[in-house]
C-alpha atoms as a PDB file:
ATOM      1  CA  UNK A   1     -65.377 145.527-121.403  1.00  0.00           C
ATOM      2  CA  UNK A   2     -62.551 148.042-121.957  1.00  0.00           C
ATOM      3  CA  UNK A   3     -60.318 147.533-124.951  1.00  0.00           C
ATOM      4  CA  UNK A   4     -57.161 148.778-123.017  1.00  0.00           C
ATOM      5  CA  UNK A   5     -56.475 148.080-119.578  1.00  0.00           C
ATOM      6  CA  UNK A   6     -55.262 150.628-117.613  1.00  0.00           C
ATOM      7  CA  UNK A   7     -52.678 150.315-115.172  1.00  0.00           C
ATOM      8  CA  UNK A   8     -49.802 152.024-113.784  1.00  0.00           C
ATOM      9  CA  UNK A   9     -46.543 151.442-115.603  1.00  0.00           C
ATOM     10  CA  UNK A  10     -43.884 152.900-113.867  1.00  0.00           C
ATOM     11  CA  UNK A  11     -42.869 149.727-111.731  1.00  0.00           C
ATOM     12  CA  UNK A  12     -39.739 149.400-113.249  1.00  0.00           C
ATOM     13  CA  UNK A  13     -37.324 152.376-114.119  1.00  0.00           C
ATOM     14  CA  UNK A  14     -36.506 150.773-117.590  1.00  0.00           C
ATOM     15  CA  UNK A  15     -40.267 150.336-118.440  1.00  0.00           C
ATOM     16  CA  UNK A  16     -40.979 153.842-117.454  1.00  0.00           C
ATOM     17  CA  UNK A  17     -38.319 155.517-119.270  1.00  0.00           C
ATOM     18  CA  UNK A  18     -40.672 155.224-122.433  1.00  0.00           C
ATOM     19  CA  UNK A  19     -43.382 157.402-120.718  1.00  0.00           C
ATOM     20  CA  UNK A  20     -43.642 161.291-120.232  1.00  0.00           C
ATOM     21  CA  UNK A  21     -43.825 162.654-117.026  1.00  0.00           C
ATOM     22  CA  UNK A  22     -47.564 161.594-115.867  1.00  0.00           C
ATOM     23  CA  UNK A  23     -46.206 157.875-116.226  1.00  0.00           C
ATOM     24  CA  UNK A  24     -49.470 157.582-118.223  1.00  0.00           C
ATOM     25  CA  UNK A  25     -48.394 158.522-122.260  1.00  0.00           C
ATOM     26  CA  UNK A  26     -45.484 157.885-124.191  1.00  0.00           C
ATOM     27  CA  UNK A  27     -42.460 160.159-124.917  1.00  0.00           C
ATOM     28  CA  UNK A  28     -43.185 161.935-128.011  1.00  0.00           C
ATOM     29  CA  UNK A  29     -39.419 160.354-129.204  1.00  0.00           C
ATOM     30  CA  UNK A  30     -40.676 157.099-128.185  1.00  0.00           C
ATOM     31  CA  UNK A  31     -44.050 157.628-130.135  1.00  0.00           C
ATOM     32  CA  UNK A  32     -42.644 159.048-133.543  1.00  0.00           C
ATOM     33  CA  UNK A  33     -40.016 155.874-133.639  1.00  0.00           C
ATOM     34  CA  UNK A  34     -43.017 153.323-133.683  1.00  0.00           C
ATOM     35  CA  UNK A  35     -44.848 155.474-136.109  1.00  0.00           C
ATOM     36  CA  UNK A  36     -42.159 155.372-138.224  1.00  0.00           C
ATOM     37  CA  UNK A  37     -41.679 151.557-137.375  1.00  0.00           C
ATOM     38  CA  UNK A  38     -45.195 150.899-138.221  1.00  0.00           C
ATOM     39  CA  UNK A  39     -45.512 152.675-141.222  1.00  0.00           C
ATOM     40  CA  UNK A  40     -42.326 151.588-142.693  1.00  0.00           C
ATOM     41  CA  UNK A  41     -43.908 147.958-142.304  1.00  0.00           C
ATOM     42  CA  UNK A  42     -47.098 148.766-143.864  1.00  0.00           C
ATOM     43  CA  UNK A  43     -45.220 150.336-147.009  1.00  0.00           C
ATOM     44  CA  UNK A  44     -42.995 146.948-147.332  1.00  0.00           C
ATOM     45  CA  UNK A  45     -45.790 144.546-147.101  1.00  0.00           C
ATOM     46  CA  UNK A  46     -48.297 146.592-148.603  1.00  0.00           C
ATOM     47  CA  UNK A  47     -45.422 146.884-151.710  1.00  0.00           C
ATOM     48  CA  UNK A  48     -44.478 142.802-151.140  1.00  0.00           C
ATOM     49  CA  UNK A  49     -48.309 141.972-151.700  1.00  0.00           C
ATOM     50  CA  UNK A  50     -48.428 144.001-155.106  1.00  0.00           C
ATOM     51  CA  UNK A  51     -45.811 142.930-156.449  1.00  0.00           C
ATOM     52  CA  UNK A  52     -47.364 139.480-155.570  1.00  0.00           C
ATOM     53  CA  UNK A  53     -50.409 139.946-157.008  1.00  0.00           C
ATOM     54  CA  UNK A  54     -49.058 141.133-159.996  1.00  0.00           C
ATOM     55  CA  UNK A  55     -46.554 138.022-160.553  1.00  0.00           C
ATOM     56  CA  UNK A  56     -48.801 135.110-158.908  1.00  0.00           C
ATOM     57  CA  UNK A  57     -48.994 131.855-160.622  1.00  0.00           C
ATOM     58  CA  UNK A  58     -52.077 129.967-161.305  1.00  0.00           C
ATOM     59  CA  UNK A  59     -51.249 127.282-158.571  1.00  0.00           C
ATOM     60  CA  UNK A  60     -54.392 125.847-157.464  1.00  0.00           C
ATOM     61  CA  UNK A  61     -55.135 123.460-154.017  1.00  0.00           C
ATOM     62  CA  UNK A  62     -58.432 121.602-153.916  1.00  0.00           C
ATOM     63  CA  UNK A  63     -60.711 122.399-151.047  1.00  0.00           C
ATOM     64  CA  UNK A  64     -62.636 118.970-149.893  1.00  0.00           C
ATOM     65  CA  UNK A  65     -65.437 117.813-148.619  1.00  0.00           C
ATOM     66  CA  UNK A  66     -66.416 114.147-147.293  1.00  0.00           C
ATOM     67  CA  UNK A  67     -70.212 113.591-146.156  1.00  0.00           C
ATOM     68  CA  UNK A  68     -71.558 110.344-145.146  1.00  0.00           C
ATOM     69  CA  UNK A  69     -74.168 108.672-147.323  1.00  0.00           C
ATOM     70  CA  UNK A  70     -75.637 106.175-145.278  1.00  0.00           C
ATOM     71  CA  UNK A  71     -76.069 104.876-141.816  1.00  0.00           C
ATOM     72  CA  UNK A  72     -72.551 105.204-139.813  1.00  0.00           C
ATOM     73  CA  UNK A  73     -73.542 101.987-138.525  1.00  0.00           C
ATOM     74  CA  UNK A  74     -73.557 100.269-141.840  1.00  0.00           C
ATOM     75  CA  UNK A  75     -71.010 102.047-143.805  1.00  0.00           C
ATOM     76  CA  UNK A  76     -68.275 100.027-145.410  1.00  0.00           C
ATOM     77  CA  UNK A  77     -65.155 102.054-146.490  1.00  0.00           C
ATOM     78  CA  UNK A  78     -64.543 105.609-146.386  1.00  0.00           C
ATOM     79  CA  UNK A  79     -66.891 107.921-147.693  1.00  0.00           C
ATOM     80  CA  UNK A  80     -66.537 109.341-151.156  1.00  0.00           C
ATOM     81  CA  UNK A  81     -64.259 112.823-151.062  1.00  0.00           C
ATOM     82  CA  UNK A  82     -65.054 115.470-153.156  1.00  0.00           C
ATOM     83  CA  UNK A  83     -63.706 118.623-154.632  1.00  0.00           C
ATOM     84  CA  UNK A  84     -65.691 121.421-152.932  1.00  0.00           C
ATOM     85  CA  UNK A  85     -63.861 124.330-154.807  1.00  0.00           C
ATOM     86  CA  UNK A  86     -60.342 125.232-156.311  1.00  0.00           C
ATOM     87  CA  UNK A  87     -58.023 127.788-154.032  1.00  0.00           C
ATOM     88  CA  UNK A  88     -56.117 129.796-155.733  1.00  0.00           C
ATOM     89  CA  UNK A  89     -53.146 129.759-153.233  1.00  0.00           C
ATOM     90  CA  UNK A  90     -51.487 133.110-154.146  1.00  0.00           C
ATOM     91  CA  UNK A  91     -54.340 135.062-153.401  1.00  0.00           C
ATOM     92  CA  UNK A  92     -54.118 133.497-149.625  1.00  0.00           C
ATOM     93  CA  UNK A  93     -50.574 134.288-149.528  1.00  0.00           C
ATOM     94  CA  UNK A  94     -51.245 138.036-150.471  1.00  0.00           C
ATOM     95  CA  UNK A  95     -53.974 138.097-148.178  1.00  0.00           C
ATOM     96  CA  UNK A  96     -51.933 137.876-144.792  1.00  0.00           C
ATOM     97  CA  UNK A  97     -49.642 140.397-146.320  1.00  0.00           C
ATOM     98  CA  UNK A  98     -52.343 143.086-147.026  1.00  0.00           C
ATOM     99  CA  UNK A  99     -53.480 142.488-143.614  1.00  0.00           C
ATOM    100  CA  UNK A 100     -50.597 143.064-141.763  1.00  0.00           C
ATOM    101  CA  UNK A 101     -50.091 146.494-143.995  1.00  0.00           C
ATOM    102  CA  UNK A 102     -53.632 147.457-142.757  1.00  0.00           C
ATOM    103  CA  UNK A 103     -52.954 147.357-139.357  1.00  0.00           C
ATOM    104  CA  UNK A 104     -49.707 148.816-139.300  1.00  0.00           C
ATOM    105  CA  UNK A 105     -51.391 151.818-141.362  1.00  0.00           C
ATOM    106  CA  UNK A 106     -54.073 151.801-139.179  1.00  0.00           C
ATOM    107  CA  UNK A 107     -51.514 152.291-135.666  1.00  0.00           C
ATOM    108  CA  UNK A 108     -50.075 154.784-137.538  1.00  0.00           C
ATOM    109  CA  UNK A 109     -52.703 157.175-138.418  1.00  0.00           C
ATOM    110  CA  UNK A 110     -56.665 157.087-137.499  1.00  0.00           C
ATOM    111  CA  UNK A 111     -56.054 155.093-134.230  1.00  0.00           C
ATOM    112  CA  UNK A 112     -52.174 156.094-133.295  1.00  0.00           C
ATOM    113  CA  UNK A 113     -53.934 157.830-130.176  1.00  0.00           C
ATOM    114  CA  UNK A 114     -55.465 154.566-128.681  1.00  0.00           C
ATOM    115  CA  UNK A 115     -52.204 152.231-129.962  1.00  0.00           C
ATOM    116  CA  UNK A 116     -49.811 154.989-128.083  1.00  0.00           C
ATOM    117  CA  UNK A 117     -52.080 154.652-125.449  1.00  0.00           C
ATOM    118  CA  UNK A 118     -51.999 151.178-125.531  1.00  0.00           C
ATOM    119  CA  UNK A 119     -48.445 150.594-125.620  1.00  0.00           C
ATOM    120  CA  UNK A 120     -48.250 153.169-122.425  1.00  0.00           C
ATOM    121  CA  UNK A 121     -49.689 150.342-120.296  1.00  0.00           C
ATOM    122  CA  UNK A 122     -47.770 147.597-121.626  1.00  0.00           C
ATOM    123  CA  UNK A 123     -50.440 146.122-124.411  1.00  0.00           C
ATOM    124  CA  UNK A 124     -51.357 146.084-127.898  1.00  0.00           C
ATOM    125  CA  UNK A 125     -54.754 144.928-128.594  1.00  0.00           C
ATOM    126  CA  UNK A 126     -54.049 145.279-132.523  1.00  0.00           C
ATOM    127  CA  UNK A 127     -51.612 143.188-132.692  1.00  0.00           C
ATOM    128  CA  UNK A 128     -53.489 140.410-131.362  1.00  0.00           C
ATOM    129  CA  UNK A 129     -56.464 140.676-133.733  1.00  0.00           C
ATOM    130  CA  UNK A 130     -53.930 140.944-136.531  1.00  0.00           C
ATOM    131  CA  UNK A 131     -52.382 138.097-135.575  1.00  0.00           C
ATOM    132  CA  UNK A 132     -55.668 136.153-135.561  1.00  0.00           C
ATOM    133  CA  UNK A 133     -56.806 136.657-138.609  1.00  0.00           C
ATOM    134  CA  UNK A 134     -53.105 136.969-140.576  1.00  0.00           C
ATOM    135  CA  UNK A 135     -51.627 134.045-138.967  1.00  0.00           C
ATOM    136  CA  UNK A 136     -54.389 131.873-139.272  1.00  0.00           C
ATOM    137  CA  UNK A 137     -54.388 132.433-143.086  1.00  0.00           C
ATOM    138  CA  UNK A 138     -50.626 131.251-142.737  1.00  0.00           C
ATOM    139  CA  UNK A 139     -51.026 128.139-141.124  1.00  0.00           C
ATOM    140  CA  UNK A 140     -54.035 127.343-143.042  1.00  0.00           C
ATOM    141  CA  UNK A 141     -52.294 127.551-146.263  1.00  0.00           C
ATOM    142  CA  UNK A 142     -49.336 125.331-144.945  1.00  0.00           C
ATOM    143  CA  UNK A 143     -51.203 122.882-144.061  1.00  0.00           C
ATOM    144  CA  UNK A 144     -52.663 122.913-147.074  1.00  0.00           C
ATOM    145  CA  UNK A 145     -49.124 122.450-148.974  1.00  0.00           C
ATOM    146  CA  UNK A 146     -48.473 119.642-146.088  1.00  0.00           C
ATOM    147  CA  UNK A 147     -51.726 117.500-148.068  1.00  0.00           C
ATOM    148  CA  UNK A 148     -54.282 118.847-145.774  1.00  0.00           C
ATOM    149  CA  UNK A 149     -57.496 119.853-147.757  1.00  0.00           C
ATOM    150  CA  UNK A 150     -60.388 118.859-145.892  1.00  0.00           C
ATOM    151  CA  UNK A 151     -62.692 121.858-145.020  1.00  0.00           C
ATOM    152  CA  UNK A 152     -63.662 120.683-141.522  1.00  0.00           C
ATOM    153  CA  UNK A 153     -60.012 120.220-140.886  1.00  0.00           C
ATOM    154  CA  UNK A 154     -58.906 123.399-142.144  1.00  0.00           C
ATOM    155  CA  UNK A 155     -61.427 125.074-140.093  1.00  0.00           C
ATOM    156  CA  UNK A 156     -60.184 123.478-136.660  1.00  0.00           C
ATOM    157  CA  UNK A 157     -57.076 124.209-137.459  1.00  0.00           C
ATOM    158  CA  UNK A 158     -57.752 127.854-138.116  1.00  0.00           C
ATOM    159  CA  UNK A 159     -59.855 128.112-134.771  1.00  0.00           C
ATOM    160  CA  UNK A 160     -56.946 126.257-133.071  1.00  0.00           C
ATOM    161  CA  UNK A 161     -54.410 129.192-134.170  1.00  0.00           C
ATOM    162  CA  UNK A 162     -57.000 132.095-133.688  1.00  0.00           C
ATOM    163  CA  UNK A 163     -57.368 130.382-130.186  1.00  0.00           C
ATOM    164  CA  UNK A 164     -53.474 130.628-129.396  1.00  0.00           C
ATOM    165  CA  UNK A 165     -53.312 134.305-130.689  1.00  0.00           C
ATOM    166  CA  UNK A 166     -56.317 135.348-128.422  1.00  0.00           C
ATOM    167  CA  UNK A 167     -54.716 133.843-125.682  1.00  0.00           C
ATOM    168  CA  UNK A 168     -51.840 136.081-126.176  1.00  0.00           C
ATOM    169  CA  UNK A 169     -53.899 138.912-125.746  1.00  0.00           C
ATOM    170  CA  UNK A 170     -55.541 137.475-122.463  1.00  0.00           C
ATOM    171  CA  UNK A 171     -51.927 137.379-121.039  1.00  0.00           C
ATOM    172  CA  UNK A 172     -51.527 140.641-122.011  1.00  0.00           C
ATOM    173  CA  UNK A 173     -54.573 141.777-120.647  1.00  0.00           C
ATOM    174  CA  UNK A 174     -54.035 140.277-117.258  1.00  0.00           C
ATOM    175  CA  UNK A 175     -50.425 140.592-116.447  1.00  0.00           C
ATOM    176  CA  UNK A 176     -48.301 143.532-116.106  1.00  0.00           C
ATOM    177  CA  UNK A 177     -44.530 142.427-117.906  1.00  0.00           C
ATOM    178  CA  UNK A 178     -42.054 142.610-114.993  1.00  0.00           C
ATOM    179  CA  UNK A 179     -44.345 141.898-112.469  1.00  0.00           C
ATOM    180  CA  UNK A 180     -43.059 139.716-109.186  1.00  0.00           C
ATOM    181  CA  UNK A 181     -46.368 137.793-109.567  1.00  0.00           C
ATOM    182  CA  UNK A 182     -47.821 136.932-112.938  1.00  0.00           C
ATOM    183  CA  UNK A 183     -50.733 134.564-114.141  1.00  0.00           C
ATOM    184  CA  UNK A 184     -49.093 132.083-117.020  1.00  0.00           C
ATOM    185  CA  UNK A 185     -52.091 130.113-117.222  1.00  0.00           C
ATOM    186  CA  UNK A 186     -53.219 132.411-120.714  1.00  0.00           C
ATOM    187  CA  UNK A 187     -49.360 131.735-122.314  1.00  0.00           C
ATOM    188  CA  UNK A 188     -49.681 127.826-121.165  1.00  0.00           C
ATOM    189  CA  UNK A 189     -53.010 127.458-122.686  1.00  0.00           C
ATOM    190  CA  UNK A 190     -52.067 129.246-125.642  1.00  0.00           C
ATOM    191  CA  UNK A 191     -49.170 127.037-126.263  1.00  0.00           C
ATOM    192  CA  UNK A 192     -51.374 123.965-125.796  1.00  0.00           C
ATOM    193  CA  UNK A 193     -53.914 125.476-128.899  1.00  0.00           C
ATOM    194  CA  UNK A 194     -51.006 126.564-130.854  1.00  0.00           C
ATOM    195  CA  UNK A 195     -49.224 123.610-131.240  1.00  0.00           C
ATOM    196  CA  UNK A 196     -52.262 121.767-132.579  1.00  0.00           C
ATOM    197  CA  UNK A 197     -51.783 122.819-136.254  1.00  0.00           C
ATOM    198  CA  UNK A 198     -48.578 121.823-135.927  1.00  0.00           C
ATOM    199  CA  UNK A 199     -49.379 118.665-135.411  1.00  0.00           C
ATOM    200  CA  UNK A 200     -51.598 118.169-137.857  1.00  0.00           C
ATOM    201  CA  UNK A 201     -49.078 119.479-140.184  1.00  0.00           C
ATOM    202  CA  UNK A 202     -46.564 116.987-138.960  1.00  0.00           C
ATOM    203  CA  UNK A 203     -48.987 113.703-139.746  1.00  0.00           C
ATOM    204  CA  UNK A 204     -49.513 114.990-142.798  1.00  0.00           C
ATOM    205  CA  UNK A 205     -45.837 115.412-143.262  1.00  0.00           C
ATOM    206  CA  UNK A 206     -44.660 112.324-142.017  1.00  0.00           C
ATOM    207  CA  UNK A 207     -48.023 110.421-144.472  1.00  0.00           C
ATOM    208  CA  UNK A 208     -46.244 112.043-147.372  1.00  0.00           C
ATOM    209  CA  UNK A 209     -43.134 110.811-146.946  1.00  0.00           C
ATOM    210  CA  UNK A 210     -43.911 107.312-146.198  1.00  0.00           C
ATOM    211  CA  UNK A 211     -45.357 107.510-149.649  1.00  0.00           C
ATOM    212  CA  UNK A 212     -42.814 108.699-151.884  1.00  0.00           C
ATOM    213  CA  UNK A 213     -39.994 111.169-150.907  1.00  0.00           C
ATOM    214  CA  UNK A 214     -41.134 113.570-153.780  1.00  0.00           C
ATOM    215  CA  UNK A 215     -44.237 113.961-152.156  1.00  0.00           C
ATOM    216  CA  UNK A 216     -42.810 116.698-149.771  1.00  0.00           C
ATOM    217  CA  UNK A 217     -40.517 119.115-152.095  1.00  0.00           C
ATOM    218  CA  UNK A 218     -37.623 120.776-150.495  1.00  0.00           C
ATOM    219  CA  UNK A 219     -39.620 123.953-150.525  1.00  0.00           C
ATOM    220  CA  UNK A 220     -42.384 122.444-148.489  1.00  0.00           C
ATOM    221  CA  UNK A 221     -39.871 121.247-145.748  1.00  0.00           C
ATOM    222  CA  UNK A 222     -38.203 124.916-145.874  1.00  0.00           C
ATOM    223  CA  UNK A 223     -41.499 126.354-145.100  1.00  0.00           C
ATOM    224  CA  UNK A 224     -42.594 123.636-142.254  1.00  0.00           C
ATOM    225  CA  UNK A 225     -39.774 124.157-140.637  1.00  0.00           C
ATOM    226  CA  UNK A 226     -39.143 127.648-141.010  1.00  0.00           C
ATOM    227  CA  UNK A 227     -42.028 129.316-140.525  1.00  0.00           C
ATOM    228  CA  UNK A 228     -42.407 126.469-137.052  1.00  0.00           C
ATOM    229  CA  UNK A 229     -39.652 127.839-135.973  1.00  0.00           C
ATOM    230  CA  UNK A 230     -40.495 131.922-136.359  1.00  0.00           C
ATOM    231  CA  UNK A 231     -43.912 131.150-134.987  1.00  0.00           C
ATOM    232  CA  UNK A 232     -41.805 129.582-131.479  1.00  0.00           C
ATOM    233  CA  UNK A 233     -39.708 132.790-131.759  1.00  0.00           C
ATOM    234  CA  UNK A 234     -43.051 134.805-131.269  1.00  0.00           C
ATOM    235  CA  UNK A 235     -43.420 132.989-128.152  1.00  0.00           C
ATOM    236  CA  UNK A 236     -40.143 133.502-126.827  1.00  0.00           C
ATOM    237  CA  UNK A 237     -40.421 137.299-127.741  1.00  0.00           C
ATOM    238  CA  UNK A 238     -43.392 137.535-125.283  1.00  0.00           C
ATOM    239  CA  UNK A 239     -41.729 135.332-122.234  1.00  0.00           C
ATOM    240  CA  UNK A 240     -38.771 137.850-122.573  1.00  0.00           C
ATOM    241  CA  UNK A 241     -41.272 140.236-122.302  1.00  0.00           C
ATOM    242  CA  UNK A 242     -42.657 139.103-119.007  1.00  0.00           C
ATOM    243  CA  UNK A 243     -40.204 137.893-117.757  1.00  0.00           C
ATOM    244  CA  UNK A 244     -37.945 141.323-118.064  1.00  0.00           C
ATOM    245  CA  UNK A 245     -34.863 139.813-119.509  1.00  0.00           C
ATOM    246  CA  UNK A 246     -32.196 142.780-120.466  1.00  0.00           C
ATOM    247  CA  UNK A 247     -33.726 144.667-122.911  1.00  0.00           C
ATOM    248  CA  UNK A 248     -37.393 143.175-122.847  1.00  0.00           C
ATOM    249  CA  UNK A 249     -37.383 145.290-119.853  1.00  0.00           C
ATOM    250  CA  UNK A 250     -39.029 147.640-122.311  1.00  0.00           C
ATOM    251  CA  UNK A 251     -42.237 147.075-123.644  1.00  0.00           C
ATOM    252  CA  UNK A 252     -41.383 148.908-126.618  1.00  0.00           C
ATOM    253  CA  UNK A 253     -38.314 146.745-127.244  1.00  0.00           C
ATOM    254  CA  UNK A 254     -40.591 143.817-127.425  1.00  0.00           C
ATOM    255  CA  UNK A 255     -43.154 145.680-129.563  1.00  0.00           C
ATOM    256  CA  UNK A 256     -40.328 146.168-131.980  1.00  0.00           C
ATOM    257  CA  UNK A 257     -39.348 142.923-131.984  1.00  0.00           C
ATOM    258  CA  UNK A 258     -42.852 141.770-133.116  1.00  0.00           C
ATOM    259  CA  UNK A 259     -42.853 144.314-135.874  1.00  0.00           C
ATOM    260  CA  UNK A 260     -39.386 142.733-137.188  1.00  0.00           C
ATOM    261  CA  UNK A 261     -40.822 139.169-136.296  1.00  0.00           C
ATOM    262  CA  UNK A 262     -44.166 139.699-138.372  1.00  0.00           C
ATOM    263  CA  UNK A 263     -42.311 141.212-141.655  1.00  0.00           C
ATOM    264  CA  UNK A 264     -39.569 138.089-141.587  1.00  0.00           C
ATOM    265  CA  UNK A 265     -42.498 135.353-140.972  1.00  0.00           C
ATOM    266  CA  UNK A 266     -44.636 136.710-143.828  1.00  0.00           C
ATOM    267  CA  UNK A 267     -41.913 137.212-145.874  1.00  0.00           C
ATOM    268  CA  UNK A 268     -40.287 133.849-145.712  1.00  0.00           C
ATOM    269  CA  UNK A 269     -43.703 132.370-146.456  1.00  0.00           C
ATOM    270  CA  UNK A 270     -44.900 134.600-149.473  1.00  0.00           C
ATOM    271  CA  UNK A 271     -41.562 133.916-151.330  1.00  0.00           C
ATOM    272  CA  UNK A 272     -40.820 130.539-150.401  1.00  0.00           C
ATOM    273  CA  UNK A 273     -44.322 129.791-151.428  1.00  0.00           C
ATOM    274  CA  UNK A 274     -43.769 131.942-154.910  1.00  0.00           C
ATOM    275  CA  UNK A 275     -40.617 129.967-155.960  1.00  0.00           C
ATOM    276  CA  UNK A 276     -41.646 126.416-154.684  1.00  0.00           C
ATOM    277  CA  UNK A 277     -44.606 126.886-157.000  1.00  0.00           C
ATOM    278  CA  UNK A 278     -42.903 128.575-160.123  1.00  0.00           C
ATOM    279  CA  UNK A 279     -40.198 125.877-160.816  1.00  0.00           C
END
């Protein structure tokens, strides 16, 4: 199976202005701008993660298990909950930023030819692989901050989020932005998978509020709603790309949007967690 689906990309004048005369590779100026953007994003992500690791607090959250101890037909009450391990939240925060830095440096150095060929074909597999890792770490950390610690639930949340990202990749593989006929099934299925972690988060958010207002401090409120909004802006960015609305008729414009959104979302989460846990 090809990593990049080769296809003609000259269906609209706005899209083809980013390509050279052959219509198959990027104009040198476009490629240079993307390289600078990715290098800059990589430097900022790396710098943030290194600073964060230097100042990281010892804030831990438990990861728990709850295994059956007797015949399920005879059990009375809930199984005992045990702490499997304690997780240093700051390491997870640094991880998603380091992952972003790695992929930005990758596509601006050794993988640059493959990346630019993909962009010329209005695709970016590197983005989806990175998001499947970094955004999944992000959502797991958010769910833990809301009070869900069970290892099984956290794995399920991670799987649902990764599926959402991979549906985004499938949308890109099977469709050409701005085409007259688009298959929206991958986009819709991705939205369905993507809402699952947020439903889990909303359940725990509401449950904590019903127990005590202080169970969900203001900084966790801010994380939940701000990152939820930013995750939805990613979907809107892809929607506008495929609808070919205004400047999104140029695939490169949407690619720039993804770079900016990724940095903003990760920065918001990183520093909200830091300042929330160092009160």
